[in-house]
Amino acid sequence: MIRLLIVLVVVVAVAFWMNHGSHDSSGSTAARPEVRYQESTRKAQDLERQMQDQTRQQLDAIDAASD
């Protein structure tokens, strides 16, 4: 149970770092708000998929280690 808590804290920390630590100021986003919204939605979905994959991998590793 403690391991699961540690894994979740790490995943949240990585997600926070990825979201706030790497600002893209290249100006590639178009000026139209709907394009910015679509791009940010896509980035959020990609981040969510990455977090789910990381969590799944870490839980699988914990499960395998506990057998």
Protein backbone atom coordinates (compact mmCIF):
# COMPACT_ATOMS: atom_id res chain seq x y z
CA MET A 1 0.00 0.00 0.00
CA ILE A 2 2.87 2.35 0.82
CA ARG A 3 4.47 1.51 -2.53
CA LEU A 4 1.29 2.44 -4.36
CA LEU A 5 1.19 5.77 -2.55
CA ILE A 6 4.83 6.46 -3.45
CA VAL A 7 4.16 5.57 -7.09
CA LEU A 8 1.18 7.91 -7.24
CA VAL A 9 3.19 10.76 -5.69
CA VAL A 10 5.96 10.23 -8.25
CA VAL A 11 3.48 10.19 -11.14
CA VAL A 12 1.87 13.42 -9.94
CA ALA A 13 5.29 15.04 -9.51
CA VAL A 14 6.36 14.03 -13.02
CA ALA A 15 3.09 15.29 -14.47
CA PHE A 16 3.48 18.60 -12.65
CA TRP A 17 7.06 18.95 -13.87
CA MET A 18 6.09 18.11 -17.45
CA ASN A 19 3.24 20.61 -17.36
CA HIS A 20 5.02 23.50 -15.64
CA GLY A 21 8.70 22.84 -16.25
CA SER A 22 8.79 22.88 -20.03
CA HIS A 23 7.05 25.92 -21.42
CA ASP A 24 7.01 26.07 -25.19
CA SER A 25 7.50 29.69 -26.20
CA SER A 26 8.26 29.01 -29.85
CA GLY A 27 5.11 30.81 -30.96
CA SER A 28 3.97 27.88 -33.08
CA THR A 29 0.39 28.21 -31.87
CA ALA A 30 -1.87 30.08 -34.26
CA ALA A 31 -3.58 33.24 -33.09
CA ARG A 32 -7.10 31.79 -33.32
CA PRO A 33 -8.44 30.70 -29.91
CA GLU A 34 -10.05 27.50 -31.24
CA VAL A 35 -6.71 26.32 -32.61
CA ARG A 36 -5.01 27.07 -29.30
CA TYR A 37 -7.79 25.19 -27.51
CA GLN A 38 -7.46 22.17 -29.80
CA GLU A 39 -3.69 22.13 -29.38
CA SER A 40 -3.86 22.40 -25.59
CA THR A 41 -6.56 19.71 -25.48
CA ARG A 42 -4.38 17.40 -27.56
CA LYS A 43 -1.39 18.07 -25.30
CA ALA A 44 -3.51 17.37 -22.22
CA GLN A 45 -4.75 14.10 -23.72
CA ASP A 46 -1.19 13.07 -24.60
CA LEU A 47 -0.05 13.87 -21.06
CA GLU A 48 -2.93 11.89 -19.60
CA ARG A 49 -2.06 8.88 -21.79
CA GLN A 50 1.59 9.11 -20.73
CA MET A 51 0.61 9.26 -17.07
CA GLN A 52 -1.70 6.27 -17.45
CA ASP A 53 1.03 4.29 -19.22
CA GLN A 54 3.59 5.17 -16.53
CA THR A 55 1.18 4.25 -13.74
CA ARG A 56 0.29 0.97 -15.44
CA GLN A 57 3.97 0.08 -15.89
CA GLN A 58 4.81 0.95 -12.29
CA LEU A 59 1.85 -0.99 -10.91
CA ASP A 60 2.77 -3.99 -13.08
CA ALA A 61 6.32 -3.84 -11.71
CA ILE A 62 5.05 -3.65 -8.13
CA ASP A 63 2.63 -6.50 -8.77
CA ALA A 64 5.40 -8.64 -10.28
CA ALA A 65 7.72 -7.88 -7.36
CA SER A 66 5.10 -8.84 -4.80
CA ASP A 67 4.55 -12.32 -6.32
